Amino acid sequence: MATMGKYCKAYPIQRLREFSQWTERSENFRKEKQEIDGQEIEVNRELTDDDFLYLQENYVVTDGIFKDENIIFDHITPEWKDFCHNILKFEIPLYEPVNLNETVEATISNPEKNT
């Protein structure tokens, strides 16, 4: 079963290809259905410069939102991480936990602030 990560970000493939050590595992491109000789078959799609790939929280690049399917690039090095942070500006957001009780109490005690 596919695993959804906590965070991924889509990038145009041409931006990812700027990395000097970029390679693509084309056999892992998502499948597309095509009709050939009256039969519907699945074939690997062809990526163009207009396509997007997903940079996952673990720095793996996938052709889709799941972090363990359709892996296109997984050569994770310090240089790759540096490229992701400094060139692509990839940052995993830090979310503050929401305490539901505090939120409800604040709304009840100060209702005009929430309108």
N, C-alpha and C. Protein backbone atom coordinates (compact mmCIF):
# COMPACT_ATOMS: atom_id res chain seq x y z
N MET A 1 0.85 -1.18 0.00
CA MET A 1 0.00 0.00 0.00
C MET A 1 0.89 1.24 0.00
N ALA A 2 0.53 2.22 -0.79
CA ALA A 2 1.30 3.45 -0.92
C ALA A 2 1.33 4.23 0.39
N THR A 3 2.47 4.86 0.65
CA THR A 3 2.64 5.63 1.87
C THR A 3 2.64 7.12 1.54
N MET A 4 1.75 7.85 2.19
CA MET A 4 1.69 9.30 2.05
C MET A 4 2.59 9.90 3.11
N GLY A 5 3.53 10.73 2.69
CA GLY A 5 4.40 11.40 3.64
C GLY A 5 3.68 12.55 4.32
N LYS A 6 4.39 13.20 5.21
CA LYS A 6 3.82 14.37 5.89
C LYS A 6 3.92 15.62 5.03
N TYR A 7 4.91 15.63 4.10
CA TYR A 7 5.09 16.83 3.29
C TYR A 7 5.82 16.48 2.00
N CYS A 8 5.36 17.07 0.91
CA CYS A 8 6.08 17.03 -0.36
C CYS A 8 5.74 18.32 -1.11
N LYS A 9 6.59 18.65 -2.06
CA LYS A 9 6.38 19.87 -2.83
C LYS A 9 6.64 19.57 -4.30
N ALA A 10 5.75 20.05 -5.17
CA ALA A 10 5.89 19.83 -6.60
C ALA A 10 6.85 20.86 -7.20
N TYR A 11 7.71 20.38 -8.10
CA TYR A 11 8.64 21.24 -8.82
C TYR A 11 8.58 20.90 -10.31
N PRO A 12 8.74 21.90 -11.16
CA PRO A 12 8.86 21.60 -12.59
C PRO A 12 10.11 20.75 -12.80
N ILE A 13 10.02 19.76 -13.65
CA ILE A 13 11.14 18.85 -13.84
C ILE A 13 12.39 19.59 -14.32
N GLN A 14 12.23 20.67 -15.06
CA GLN A 14 13.41 21.39 -15.54
C GLN A 14 14.23 21.98 -14.39
N ARG A 15 13.56 22.36 -13.28
CA ARG A 15 14.30 22.87 -12.11
C ARG A 15 15.13 21.76 -11.48
N LEU A 16 14.55 20.57 -11.37
CA LEU A 16 15.26 19.43 -10.77
C LEU A 16 16.45 19.02 -11.64
N ARG A 17 16.28 19.11 -12.94
CA ARG A 17 17.33 18.73 -13.88
C ARG A 17 18.53 19.68 -13.84
N GLU A 18 18.39 20.81 -13.16
CA GLU A 18 19.52 21.73 -12.99
C GLU A 18 20.60 21.16 -12.08
N PHE A 19 20.25 20.20 -11.26
CA PHE A 19 21.22 19.58 -10.35
C PHE A 19 22.24 18.80 -11.18
N SER A 20 23.52 19.06 -10.96
CA SER A 20 24.58 18.49 -11.80
C SER A 20 24.65 16.96 -11.76
N GLN A 21 24.18 16.35 -10.68
CA GLN A 21 24.25 14.89 -10.57
C GLN A 21 22.87 14.24 -10.75
N TRP A 22 21.95 14.96 -11.38
CA TRP A 22 20.59 14.47 -11.57
C TRP A 22 20.58 13.27 -12.53
N THR A 23 19.85 12.24 -12.16
CA THR A 23 19.57 11.10 -13.02
C THR A 23 18.11 10.76 -12.84
N GLU A 24 17.53 10.12 -13.84
CA GLU A 24 16.11 9.76 -13.77
C GLU A 24 15.95 8.26 -13.98
N ARG A 25 15.17 7.66 -13.13
CA ARG A 25 14.82 6.25 -13.29
C ARG A 25 13.53 6.19 -14.10
N SER A 26 13.67 6.26 -15.40
CA SER A 26 12.51 6.36 -16.29
C SER A 26 11.59 5.15 -16.20
N GLU A 27 12.12 4.01 -15.79
CA GLU A 27 11.26 2.83 -15.65
C GLU A 27 10.23 3.01 -14.54
N ASN A 28 10.41 4.03 -13.68
CA ASN A 28 9.48 4.28 -12.58
C ASN A 28 8.48 5.40 -12.87
N PHE A 29 8.50 5.96 -14.08
CA PHE A 29 7.50 6.97 -14.42
C PHE A 29 6.11 6.36 -14.27
N ARG A 30 5.15 7.19 -13.88
CA ARG A 30 3.78 6.71 -13.77
C ARG A 30 3.32 6.13 -15.09
N LYS A 31 2.38 5.24 -15.01
CA LYS A 31 1.83 4.60 -16.20
C LYS A 31 0.67 5.42 -16.76
N GLU A 32 0.55 5.37 -18.08
CA GLU A 32 -0.58 5.98 -18.77
C GLU A 32 -1.26 4.91 -19.60
N LYS A 33 -2.56 5.04 -19.73
CA LYS A 33 -3.30 4.10 -20.57
C LYS A 33 -3.32 4.63 -21.99
N GLN A 34 -2.99 3.73 -22.92
CA GLN A 34 -3.04 4.06 -24.34
C GLN A 34 -3.72 2.93 -25.07
N GLU A 35 -4.36 3.28 -26.17
CA GLU A 35 -4.99 2.26 -26.99
C GLU A 35 -4.09 1.98 -28.18
N ILE A 36 -3.65 0.74 -28.28
CA ILE A 36 -2.79 0.32 -29.38
C ILE A 36 -3.42 -0.92 -30.01
N ASP A 37 -3.68 -0.83 -31.32
CA ASP A 37 -4.31 -1.94 -32.06
C ASP A 37 -5.61 -2.39 -31.40
N GLY A 38 -6.40 -1.43 -30.92
CA GLY A 38 -7.68 -1.74 -30.31
C GLY A 38 -7.59 -2.28 -28.89
N GLN A 39 -6.42 -2.38 -28.35
CA GLN A 39 -6.23 -2.88 -26.98
C GLN A 39 -5.75 -1.73 -26.09
N GLU A 40 -6.33 -1.64 -24.90
CA GLU A 40 -5.89 -0.63 -23.95
C GLU A 40 -4.75 -1.22 -23.11
N ILE A 41 -3.60 -0.55 -23.15
CA ILE A 41 -2.45 -1.02 -22.39
C ILE A 41 -1.88 0.13 -21.57
N GLU A 42 -1.09 -0.21 -20.57
CA GLU A 42 -0.41 0.80 -19.76
C GLU A 42 1.04 0.90 -20.20
N VAL A 43 1.49 2.13 -20.40
CA VAL A 43 2.88 2.39 -20.78
C VAL A 43 3.42 3.49 -19.88
N ASN A 44 4.75 3.52 -19.72
CA ASN A 44 5.36 4.61 -18.96
C ASN A 44 5.16 5.91 -19.72
N ARG A 45 4.78 6.93 -19.00
CA ARG A 45 4.57 8.21 -19.66
C ARG A 45 5.91 8.86 -19.99
N GLU A 46 5.90 9.72 -20.94
CA GLU A 46 7.09 10.47 -21.33
C GLU A 46 7.03 11.82 -20.61
N LEU A 47 8.10 12.17 -19.92
CA LEU A 47 8.13 13.46 -19.21
C LEU A 47 8.65 14.56 -20.12
N THR A 48 8.00 15.70 -20.05
CA THR A 48 8.44 16.89 -20.79
C THR A 48 8.83 17.96 -19.78
N ASP A 49 9.38 19.05 -20.27
CA ASP A 49 9.76 20.15 -19.39
C ASP A 49 8.56 20.79 -18.69
N ASP A 50 7.35 20.50 -19.15
CA ASP A 50 6.15 21.05 -18.53
C ASP A 50 5.62 20.19 -17.39
N ASP A 51 6.22 19.02 -17.17
CA ASP A 51 5.75 18.12 -16.12
C ASP A 51 6.34 18.49 -14.76
N PHE A 52 5.66 18.04 -13.72
CA PHE A 52 6.08 18.27 -12.34
C PHE A 52 6.39 16.95 -11.67
N LEU A 53 7.40 16.97 -10.81
CA LEU A 53 7.71 15.84 -9.95
C LEU A 53 7.64 16.33 -8.51
N TYR A 54 7.63 15.40 -7.57
CA TYR A 54 7.42 15.74 -6.16
C TYR A 54 8.67 15.45 -5.34
N LEU A 55 9.16 16.48 -4.68
CA LEU A 55 10.27 16.35 -3.74
C LEU A 55 9.67 16.04 -2.38
N GLN A 56 10.01 14.86 -1.87
CA GLN A 56 9.44 14.38 -0.62
C GLN A 56 10.25 14.87 0.58
N GLU A 57 9.69 14.74 1.76
CA GLU A 57 10.34 15.16 3.00
C GLU A 57 11.68 14.45 3.23
N ASN A 58 11.86 13.27 2.63
CA ASN A 58 13.11 12.51 2.78
C ASN A 58 14.07 12.77 1.61
N TYR A 59 13.78 13.77 0.79
CA TYR A 59 14.59 14.22 -0.35
C TYR A 59 14.53 13.30 -1.56
N VAL A 60 13.68 12.31 -1.53
CA VAL A 60 13.45 11.46 -2.69
C VAL A 60 12.49 12.20 -3.62
N VAL A 61 12.69 12.04 -4.93
CA VAL A 61 11.81 12.66 -5.92
C VAL A 61 10.94 11.57 -6.54
N THR A 62 9.64 11.83 -6.57
CA THR A 62 8.69 10.85 -7.07
C THR A 62 7.81 11.44 -8.17
N ASP A 63 7.26 10.56 -8.96
CA ASP A 63 6.30 10.94 -9.99
C ASP A 63 4.91 10.68 -9.43
N GLY A 64 4.52 11.48 -8.46
CA GLY A 64 3.25 11.34 -7.76
C GLY A 64 3.46 11.71 -6.30
N ILE A 65 2.38 11.79 -5.56
CA ILE A 65 2.44 12.30 -4.19
C ILE A 65 2.87 11.29 -3.15
N PHE A 66 2.90 10.01 -3.50
CA PHE A 66 3.28 9.00 -2.52
C PHE A 66 4.79 8.86 -2.46
N LYS A 67 5.33 8.78 -1.24
CA LYS A 67 6.78 8.81 -1.09
C LYS A 67 7.47 7.49 -1.38
N ASP A 68 6.73 6.43 -1.57
CA ASP A 68 7.36 5.13 -1.83
C ASP A 68 6.92 4.50 -3.15
N GLU A 69 6.34 5.30 -4.04
CA GLU A 69 5.94 4.81 -5.36
C GLU A 69 6.50 5.72 -6.44
N ASN A 70 6.78 5.16 -7.59
CA ASN A 70 7.25 5.92 -8.75
C ASN A 70 8.46 6.78 -8.39
N ILE A 71 9.46 6.16 -7.77
CA ILE A 71 10.66 6.88 -7.35
C ILE A 71 11.53 7.17 -8.58
N ILE A 72 11.77 8.44 -8.82
CA ILE A 72 12.52 8.88 -9.98
C ILE A 72 13.97 9.17 -9.62
N PHE A 73 14.21 9.72 -8.45
CA PHE A 73 15.57 10.08 -8.02
C PHE A 73 15.68 9.80 -6.53
N ASP A 74 16.69 9.03 -6.15
CA ASP A 74 16.88 8.73 -4.72
C ASP A 74 18.36 8.68 -4.33
N HIS A 75 19.18 9.40 -5.07
CA HIS A 75 20.61 9.48 -4.76
C HIS A 75 20.82 10.67 -3.80
N ILE A 76 20.50 10.45 -2.52
CA ILE A 76 20.50 11.52 -1.53
C ILE A 76 21.92 11.73 -1.01
N THR A 77 22.47 12.88 -1.34
CA THR A 77 23.82 13.24 -0.92
C THR A 77 23.77 14.61 -0.25
N PRO A 78 24.84 14.99 0.44
CA PRO A 78 24.87 16.35 0.99
C PRO A 78 24.72 17.42 -0.11
N GLU A 79 25.27 17.15 -1.30
CA GLU A 79 25.15 18.10 -2.41
C GLU A 79 23.70 18.25 -2.86
N TRP A 80 22.98 17.13 -2.88
CA TRP A 80 21.56 17.17 -3.26
C TRP A 80 20.76 17.95 -2.22
N LYS A 81 21.00 17.69 -0.95
CA LYS A 81 20.28 18.42 0.10
C LYS A 81 20.59 19.91 0.02
N ASP A 82 21.84 20.24 -0.25
CA ASP A 82 22.24 21.64 -0.38
C ASP A 82 21.51 22.28 -1.56
N PHE A 83 21.43 21.59 -2.68
CA PHE A 83 20.70 22.07 -3.85
C PHE A 83 19.23 22.31 -3.50
N CYS A 84 18.64 21.36 -2.80
CA CYS A 84 17.22 21.47 -2.43
C CYS A 84 16.98 22.69 -1.55
N HIS A 85 17.86 22.91 -0.58
CA HIS A 85 17.67 24.03 0.35
C HIS A 85 18.02 25.38 -0.29
N ASN A 86 19.15 25.45 -0.97
CA ASN A 86 19.65 26.74 -1.43
C ASN A 86 19.16 27.15 -2.82
N ILE A 87 18.94 26.20 -3.69
CA ILE A 87 18.49 26.54 -5.04
C ILE A 87 16.96 26.42 -5.15
N LEU A 88 16.43 25.29 -4.70
CA LEU A 88 14.98 25.08 -4.78
C LEU A 88 14.21 25.74 -3.64
N LYS A 89 14.94 26.15 -2.60
CA LYS A 89 14.32 26.76 -1.41
C LYS A 89 13.31 25.81 -0.76
N PHE A 90 13.66 24.53 -0.72
CA PHE A 90 12.80 23.51 -0.13
C PHE A 90 12.95 23.54 1.38
N GLU A 91 11.85 23.75 2.06
CA GLU A 91 11.82 23.73 3.53
C GLU A 91 10.55 23.03 3.97
N ILE A 92 10.71 22.17 4.94
CA ILE A 92 9.54 21.50 5.50
C ILE A 92 8.96 22.43 6.56
N PRO A 93 7.70 22.83 6.41
CA PRO A 93 7.11 23.75 7.38
C PRO A 93 7.01 23.12 8.77
N LEU A 94 7.19 23.94 9.76
CA LEU A 94 6.99 23.50 11.14
C LEU A 94 5.60 23.96 11.57
N TYR A 95 4.80 23.00 11.90
CA TYR A 95 3.44 23.30 12.32
C TYR A 95 3.37 23.23 13.83
N GLU A 96 2.82 24.27 14.42
CA GLU A 96 2.61 24.27 15.86
C GLU A 96 1.37 23.45 16.17
N PRO A 97 1.44 22.59 17.17
CA PRO A 97 0.24 21.81 17.51
C PRO A 97 -0.88 22.74 18.00
N VAL A 98 -2.08 22.41 17.64
CA VAL A 98 -3.23 23.19 18.06
C VAL A 98 -3.89 22.47 19.23
N ASN A 99 -4.05 23.19 20.33
CA ASN A 99 -4.75 22.65 21.48
C ASN A 99 -6.21 23.04 21.33
N LEU A 100 -7.05 22.09 21.02
CA LEU A 100 -8.45 22.36 20.75
C LEU A 100 -9.14 23.02 21.93
N ASN A 101 -8.83 22.59 23.14
CA ASN A 101 -9.46 23.19 24.32
C ASN A 101 -9.14 24.67 24.44
N GLU A 102 -7.89 25.05 24.21
CA GLU A 102 -7.50 26.46 24.29
C GLU A 102 -8.21 27.27 23.20
N THR A 103 -8.34 26.71 22.01
CA THR A 103 -9.00 27.41 20.91
C THR A 103 -10.47 27.64 21.22
N VAL A 104 -11.15 26.65 21.74
CA VAL A 104 -12.56 26.78 22.10
C VAL A 104 -12.73 27.79 23.23
N GLU A 105 -11.88 27.72 24.25
CA GLU A 105 -11.96 28.66 25.37
C GLU A 105 -11.73 30.09 24.91
N ALA A 106 -10.78 30.31 24.00
CA ALA A 106 -10.51 31.65 23.50
C ALA A 106 -11.70 32.18 22.72
N THR A 107 -12.35 31.33 21.95
CA THR A 107 -13.52 31.74 21.18
C THR A 107 -14.67 32.11 22.08
N ILE A 108 -14.87 31.33 23.13
CA ILE A 108 -15.97 31.57 24.06
C ILE A 108 -15.72 32.84 24.86
N SER A 109 -14.50 33.04 25.32
CA SER A 109 -14.22 34.20 26.18
C SER A 109 -14.08 35.49 25.40
N ASN A 110 -13.82 35.43 24.10
CA ASN A 110 -13.64 36.64 23.32
C ASN A 110 -14.28 36.47 21.94
N PRO A 111 -15.61 36.34 21.85
CA PRO A 111 -16.27 36.02 20.58
C PRO A 111 -16.14 37.11 19.53
N GLU A 112 -16.04 38.39 19.90
CA GLU A 112 -15.97 39.45 18.90
C GLU A 112 -14.64 39.43 18.14
N LYS A 113 -13.61 38.83 18.72
CA LYS A 113 -12.31 38.73 18.07
C LYS A 113 -12.34 37.75 16.90
N ASN A 114 -13.31 36.84 16.90
CA ASN A 114 -13.37 35.79 15.89
C ASN A 114 -14.40 36.05 14.82
N THR A 115 -14.90 37.28 14.71
CA THR A 115 -15.89 37.56 13.67
C THR A 115 -15.30 38.38 12.57
